[in-house]
Amino acid sequence: MTEVAGFAPEQVSYILVLAGFGMVVGNFAGGRLADKIEPVKACLVLLLCMAATLLIIYFTSESKVMALLMTFVAGGLSLAIAAPIQILMIKTAKGAEMLGAATTQAAFNIGNALGAFFGGLPIAMGFGYTSPELVGVSMATIGAMIAIVLIKRQRSNRAEKLSPSFQESPV
């Protein structure tokens, strides 16, 4: 914000409040979305939106207005994904729901650490302060591809349950 968009250092606290407000809104929105559509589909939608948002940030981060707007949007999307993932994990962990919920939190922490590490690499290589957005685009796209695999797996499992199975009786 200070180096690319040109905000004064004393304005950063207010910008972080804006990001936090986006996270609050995103948390509610993600929960509502996961109630309306299947959690894995909500994850797919939100990950694709995050990839698009990070790409927009990459190209518009020099504009103060766009930097502020996208700070709110990226903050919102970063927490909107939490509710659908949590619901997905709890539904998947039948009989071990608490373990599934705890695993989700651990995975979020690992994802945050990996995002910071991988995002820092291009900066350390001299690619500039906007380069981590491209790393984020890649990570969100990989997450979207995983969601697509899960959706296909769900469809094939449903198809198997619906199709009659013909078993030969032992003679």
C-alpha atoms as a PDB file:
ATOM      1  CA  MET A   1       0.000   0.000   0.000  1.00  0.00           C
ATOM      2  CA  THR A   2       2.812   2.408   0.803  1.00  0.00           C
ATOM      3  CA  GLU A   3       5.251   1.390  -1.931  1.00  0.00           C
ATOM      4  CA  VAL A   4       2.898   0.694  -4.870  1.00  0.00           C
ATOM      5  CA  ALA A   5      -0.342   2.610  -4.239  1.00  0.00           C
ATOM      6  CA  GLY A   6       1.424   5.478  -2.477  1.00  0.00           C
ATOM      7  CA  PHE A   7      -0.452   5.598   0.826  1.00  0.00           C
ATOM      8  CA  ALA A   8       1.234   7.243   3.800  1.00  0.00           C
ATOM      9  CA  PRO A   9       2.422   4.803   6.480  1.00  0.00           C
ATOM     10  CA  GLU A  10       0.020   6.305   9.029  1.00  0.00           C
ATOM     11  CA  GLN A  11      -2.913   5.342   6.767  1.00  0.00           C
ATOM     12  CA  VAL A  12      -2.102   1.619   6.828  1.00  0.00           C
ATOM     13  CA  SER A  13      -3.994   1.011  10.094  1.00  0.00           C
ATOM     14  CA  TYR A  14      -7.190   2.330   8.506  1.00  0.00           C
ATOM     15  CA  ILE A  15      -6.603   0.191   5.427  1.00  0.00           C
ATOM     16  CA  LEU A  16      -6.267  -2.863   7.668  1.00  0.00           C
ATOM     17  CA  VAL A  17      -9.590  -1.970   9.306  1.00  0.00           C
ATOM     18  CA  LEU A  18     -11.110  -1.928   5.818  1.00  0.00           C
ATOM     19  CA  ALA A  19      -9.647  -5.388   5.151  1.00  0.00           C
ATOM     20  CA  GLY A  20     -11.042  -6.592   8.478  1.00  0.00           C
ATOM     21  CA  PHE A  21     -14.481  -5.223   7.648  1.00  0.00           C
ATOM     22  CA  GLY A  22     -14.287  -7.095   4.347  1.00  0.00           C
ATOM     23  CA  MET A  23     -13.469 -10.261   6.288  1.00  0.00           C
ATOM     24  CA  VAL A  24     -16.537  -9.828   8.511  1.00  0.00           C
ATOM     25  CA  VAL A  25     -18.768  -9.336   5.472  1.00  0.00           C
ATOM     26  CA  GLY A  26     -17.074 -12.232   3.683  1.00  0.00           C
ATOM     27  CA  ASN A  27     -17.572 -14.578   6.627  1.00  0.00           C
ATOM     28  CA  PHE A  28     -21.327 -13.970   6.547  1.00  0.00           C
ATOM     29  CA  ALA A  29     -21.468 -14.136   2.738  1.00  0.00           C
ATOM     30  CA  GLY A  30     -19.519 -17.399   2.602  1.00  0.00           C
ATOM     31  CA  GLY A  31     -21.838 -19.007   5.120  1.00  0.00           C
ATOM     32  CA  ARG A  32     -24.916 -17.875   3.199  1.00  0.00           C
ATOM     33  CA  LEU A  33     -23.445 -19.125  -0.072  1.00  0.00           C
ATOM     34  CA  ALA A  34     -22.650 -22.518   1.471  1.00  0.00           C
ATOM     35  CA  ASP A  35     -26.278 -22.709   2.641  1.00  0.00           C
ATOM     36  CA  LYS A  36     -27.593 -21.994  -0.859  1.00  0.00           C
ATOM     37  CA  ILE A  37     -25.323 -24.287  -2.910  1.00  0.00           C
ATOM     38  CA  GLU A  38     -23.242 -27.328  -2.104  1.00  0.00           C
ATOM     39  CA  PRO A  39     -20.148 -26.405  -0.067  1.00  0.00           C
ATOM     40  CA  VAL A  40     -17.733 -27.785  -2.660  1.00  0.00           C
ATOM     41  CA  LYS A  41     -19.401 -25.705  -5.384  1.00  0.00           C
ATOM     42  CA  ALA A  42     -19.226 -22.664  -3.107  1.00  0.00           C
ATOM     43  CA  CYS A  43     -15.494 -23.343  -2.686  1.00  0.00           C
ATOM     44  CA  LEU A  44     -15.068 -23.504  -6.456  1.00  0.00           C
ATOM     45  CA  VAL A  45     -16.913 -20.226  -7.005  1.00  0.00           C
ATOM     46  CA  LEU A  46     -15.018 -18.437  -4.231  1.00  0.00           C
ATOM     47  CA  LEU A  47     -11.608 -19.725  -5.340  1.00  0.00           C
ATOM     48  CA  LEU A  48     -12.244 -18.595  -8.909  1.00  0.00           C
ATOM     49  CA  CYS A  49     -13.366 -15.206  -7.579  1.00  0.00           C
ATOM     50  CA  MET A  50     -10.208 -14.996  -5.483  1.00  0.00           C
ATOM     51  CA  ALA A  51      -8.032 -15.792  -8.503  1.00  0.00           C
ATOM     52  CA  ALA A  52      -9.801 -13.079 -10.517  1.00  0.00           C
ATOM     53  CA  THR A  53      -9.532 -10.610  -7.635  1.00  0.00           C
ATOM     54  CA  LEU A  54      -5.802 -11.189  -7.247  1.00  0.00           C
ATOM     55  CA  LEU A  55      -5.327 -10.712 -10.971  1.00  0.00           C
ATOM     56  CA  ILE A  56      -7.241  -7.424 -10.789  1.00  0.00           C
ATOM     57  CA  ILE A  57      -5.067  -6.352  -7.854  1.00  0.00           C
ATOM     58  CA  TYR A  58      -1.939  -7.165  -9.861  1.00  0.00           C
ATOM     59  CA  PHE A  59      -3.003  -4.872 -12.703  1.00  0.00           C
ATOM     60  CA  THR A  60      -4.649  -2.048 -10.713  1.00  0.00           C
ATOM     61  CA  SER A  61      -2.681  -1.793  -7.465  1.00  0.00           C
ATOM     62  CA  GLU A  62      -1.166   1.580  -8.363  1.00  0.00           C
ATOM     63  CA  SER A  63      -4.612   3.202  -8.158  1.00  0.00           C
ATOM     64  CA  LYS A  64      -5.488   4.205  -4.588  1.00  0.00           C
ATOM     65  CA  VAL A  65      -9.225   3.753  -5.181  1.00  0.00           C
ATOM     66  CA  MET A  66      -8.774   0.289  -6.697  1.00  0.00           C
ATOM     67  CA  ALA A  67      -6.282  -0.662  -3.984  1.00  0.00           C
ATOM     68  CA  LEU A  68      -8.842   0.164  -1.307  1.00  0.00           C
ATOM     69  CA  LEU A  69     -11.719  -1.518  -3.125  1.00  0.00           C
ATOM     70  CA  MET A  70      -9.734  -4.673  -3.780  1.00  0.00           C
ATOM     71  CA  THR A  71      -8.458  -4.738  -0.180  1.00  0.00           C
ATOM     72  CA  PHE A  72     -12.073  -4.997   0.938  1.00  0.00           C
ATOM     73  CA  VAL A  73     -12.937  -7.595  -1.731  1.00  0.00           C
ATOM     74  CA  ALA A  74      -9.831  -9.750  -1.129  1.00  0.00           C
ATOM     75  CA  GLY A  75     -10.408  -9.596   2.621  1.00  0.00           C
ATOM     76  CA  GLY A  76     -13.994 -10.681   2.100  1.00  0.00           C
ATOM     77  CA  LEU A  77     -13.097 -13.557  -0.186  1.00  0.00           C
ATOM     78  CA  SER A  78     -10.314 -14.746   2.092  1.00  0.00           C
ATOM     79  CA  LEU A  79     -12.812 -15.407   4.863  1.00  0.00           C
ATOM     80  CA  ALA A  80     -15.810 -16.299   2.690  1.00  0.00           C
ATOM     81  CA  ILE A  81     -14.052 -19.526   1.740  1.00  0.00           C
ATOM     82  CA  ALA A  82     -13.764 -20.590   5.391  1.00  0.00           C
ATOM     83  CA  ALA A  83     -17.415 -21.514   5.977  1.00  0.00           C
ATOM     84  CA  PRO A  84     -17.849 -23.759   2.915  1.00  0.00           C
ATOM     85  CA  ILE A  85     -14.557 -25.548   3.612  1.00  0.00           C
ATOM     86  CA  GLN A  86     -15.507 -26.051   7.247  1.00  0.00           C
ATOM     87  CA  ILE A  87     -18.927 -27.445   6.293  1.00  0.00           C
ATOM     88  CA  LEU A  88     -17.344 -29.702   3.664  1.00  0.00           C
ATOM     89  CA  MET A  89     -14.835 -31.084   6.148  1.00  0.00           C
ATOM     90  CA  ILE A  90     -17.432 -31.705   8.848  1.00  0.00           C
ATOM     91  CA  LYS A  91     -19.712 -33.508   6.375  1.00  0.00           C
ATOM     92  CA  THR A  92     -16.784 -35.587   5.141  1.00  0.00           C
ATOM     93  CA  ALA A  93     -15.557 -36.555   8.606  1.00  0.00           C
ATOM     94  CA  LYS A  94     -18.575 -38.636   9.606  1.00  0.00           C
ATOM     95  CA  GLY A  95     -18.134 -39.776  13.193  1.00  0.00           C
ATOM     96  CA  ALA A  96     -15.089 -37.543  13.670  1.00  0.00           C
ATOM     97  CA  GLU A  97     -16.568 -34.106  13.074  1.00  0.00           C
ATOM     98  CA  MET A  98     -14.472 -32.413  15.764  1.00  0.00           C
ATOM     99  CA  LEU A  99     -11.298 -33.828  14.243  1.00  0.00           C
ATOM    100  CA  GLY A 100     -12.424 -32.627  10.820  1.00  0.00           C
ATOM    101  CA  ALA A 101     -13.050 -29.129  12.161  1.00  0.00           C
ATOM    102  CA  ALA A 102      -9.667 -29.069  13.913  1.00  0.00           C
ATOM    103  CA  THR A 103      -7.941 -30.319  10.776  1.00  0.00           C
ATOM    104  CA  THR A 104      -9.529 -27.507   8.809  1.00  0.00           C
ATOM    105  CA  GLN A 105      -8.077 -24.898  11.169  1.00  0.00           C
ATOM    106  CA  ALA A 106      -4.647 -26.531  10.971  1.00  0.00           C
ATOM    107  CA  ALA A 107      -4.895 -26.554   7.165  1.00  0.00           C
ATOM    108  CA  PHE A 108      -5.791 -22.843   7.151  1.00  0.00           C
ATOM    109  CA  ASN A 109      -2.687 -22.107   9.217  1.00  0.00           C
ATOM    110  CA  ILE A 110      -0.514 -24.187   6.914  1.00  0.00           C
ATOM    111  CA  GLY A 111      -2.047 -22.440   3.901  1.00  0.00           C
ATOM    112  CA  ASN A 112      -1.348 -19.026   5.431  1.00  0.00           C
ATOM    113  CA  ALA A 113       2.270 -19.969   6.086  1.00  0.00           C
ATOM    114  CA  LEU A 114       2.757 -21.426   2.598  1.00  0.00           C
ATOM    115  CA  GLY A 115       1.085 -18.398   1.003  1.00  0.00           C
ATOM    116  CA  ALA A 116       3.422 -16.033   2.846  1.00  0.00           C
ATOM    117  CA  PHE A 117       6.457 -18.147   1.970  1.00  0.00           C
ATOM    118  CA  PHE A 118       5.623 -18.634  -1.712  1.00  0.00           C
ATOM    119  CA  GLY A 119       4.436 -15.031  -2.010  1.00  0.00           C
ATOM    120  CA  GLY A 120       7.693 -13.791  -0.550  1.00  0.00           C
ATOM    121  CA  LEU A 121       9.843 -15.702  -3.019  1.00  0.00           C
ATOM    122  CA  PRO A 122       9.208 -13.470  -6.049  1.00  0.00           C
ATOM    123  CA  ILE A 123       9.788 -10.379  -3.916  1.00  0.00           C
ATOM    124  CA  ALA A 124      13.098 -11.833  -2.722  1.00  0.00           C
ATOM    125  CA  MET A 125      13.983 -12.538  -6.375  1.00  0.00           C
ATOM    126  CA  GLY A 126      13.411  -8.893  -7.228  1.00  0.00           C
ATOM    127  CA  PHE A 127      10.085  -9.158  -9.071  1.00  0.00           C
ATOM    128  CA  GLY A 128       8.462  -6.398  -7.036  1.00  0.00           C
ATOM    129  CA  TYR A 129       5.680  -5.937  -4.545  1.00  0.00           C
ATOM    130  CA  THR A 130       2.845  -6.896  -6.905  1.00  0.00           C
ATOM    131  CA  SER A 131       4.330 -10.271  -7.833  1.00  0.00           C
ATOM    132  CA  PRO A 132       2.826 -12.197  -4.866  1.00  0.00           C
ATOM    133  CA  GLU A 133      -0.626 -11.682  -6.413  1.00  0.00           C
ATOM    134  CA  LEU A 134       0.397 -13.948  -9.284  1.00  0.00           C
ATOM    135  CA  VAL A 135       1.470 -16.612  -6.790  1.00  0.00           C
ATOM    136  CA  GLY A 136      -1.944 -16.245  -5.150  1.00  0.00           C
ATOM    137  CA  VAL A 137      -3.662 -16.612  -8.525  1.00  0.00           C
ATOM    138  CA  SER A 138      -1.787 -19.888  -9.024  1.00  0.00           C
ATOM    139  CA  MET A 139      -2.656 -21.155  -5.547  1.00  0.00           C
ATOM    140  CA  ALA A 140      -6.345 -20.252  -5.888  1.00  0.00           C
ATOM    141  CA  THR A 141      -6.449 -21.894  -9.330  1.00  0.00           C
ATOM    142  CA  ILE A 142      -4.937 -25.096  -7.921  1.00  0.00           C
ATOM    143  CA  GLY A 143      -7.582 -25.001  -5.176  1.00  0.00           C
ATOM    144  CA  ALA A 144     -10.287 -24.563  -7.830  1.00  0.00           C
ATOM    145  CA  MET A 145      -8.944 -27.574  -9.733  1.00  0.00           C
ATOM    146  CA  ILE A 146      -9.101 -29.643  -6.541  1.00  0.00           C
ATOM    147  CA  ALA A 147     -12.712 -28.499  -6.056  1.00  0.00           C
ATOM    148  CA  ILE A 148     -13.523 -29.604  -9.625  1.00  0.00           C
ATOM    149  CA  VAL A 149     -12.065 -33.051  -8.892  1.00  0.00           C
ATOM    150  CA  LEU A 150     -14.187 -33.267  -5.739  1.00  0.00           C
ATOM    151  CA  ILE A 151     -17.323 -32.238  -7.628  1.00  0.00           C
ATOM    152  CA  LYS A 152     -16.682 -34.917 -10.255  1.00  0.00           C
ATOM    153  CA  ARG A 153     -16.071 -37.485  -7.528  1.00  0.00           C
ATOM    154  CA  GLN A 154     -19.358 -36.519  -5.832  1.00  0.00           C
ATOM    155  CA  ARG A 155     -21.227 -36.906  -9.121  1.00  0.00           C
ATOM    156  CA  SER A 156     -19.755 -40.347  -9.779  1.00  0.00           C
ATOM    157  CA  ASN A 157     -20.567 -41.455  -6.216  1.00  0.00           C
ATOM    158  CA  ARG A 158     -24.162 -40.294  -6.674  1.00  0.00           C
ATOM    159  CA  ALA A 159     -24.392 -42.089 -10.008  1.00  0.00           C
ATOM    160  CA  GLU A 160     -23.135 -45.301  -8.412  1.00  0.00           C
ATOM    161  CA  LYS A 161     -25.730 -45.057  -5.642  1.00  0.00           C
ATOM    162  CA  LEU A 162     -28.538 -44.455  -8.140  1.00  0.00           C
ATOM    163  CA  SER A 163     -27.636 -47.213 -10.598  1.00  0.00           C
ATOM    164  CA  PRO A 164     -28.880 -50.690  -9.753  1.00  0.00           C
ATOM    165  CA  SER A 165     -26.137 -53.158  -9.053  1.00  0.00           C
ATOM    166  CA  PHE A 166     -26.500 -56.606 -10.435  1.00  0.00           C
ATOM    167  CA  GLN A 167     -24.694 -59.178  -8.380  1.00  0.00           C
ATOM    168  CA  GLU A 168     -24.514 -62.811  -9.267  1.00  0.00           C
ATOM    169  CA  SER A 169     -25.491 -65.102  -6.485  1.00  0.00           C
ATOM    170  CA  PRO A 170     -22.886 -67.707  -5.586  1.00  0.00           C
ATOM    171  CA  VAL A 171     -23.772 -71.168  -6.902  1.00  0.00           C
END
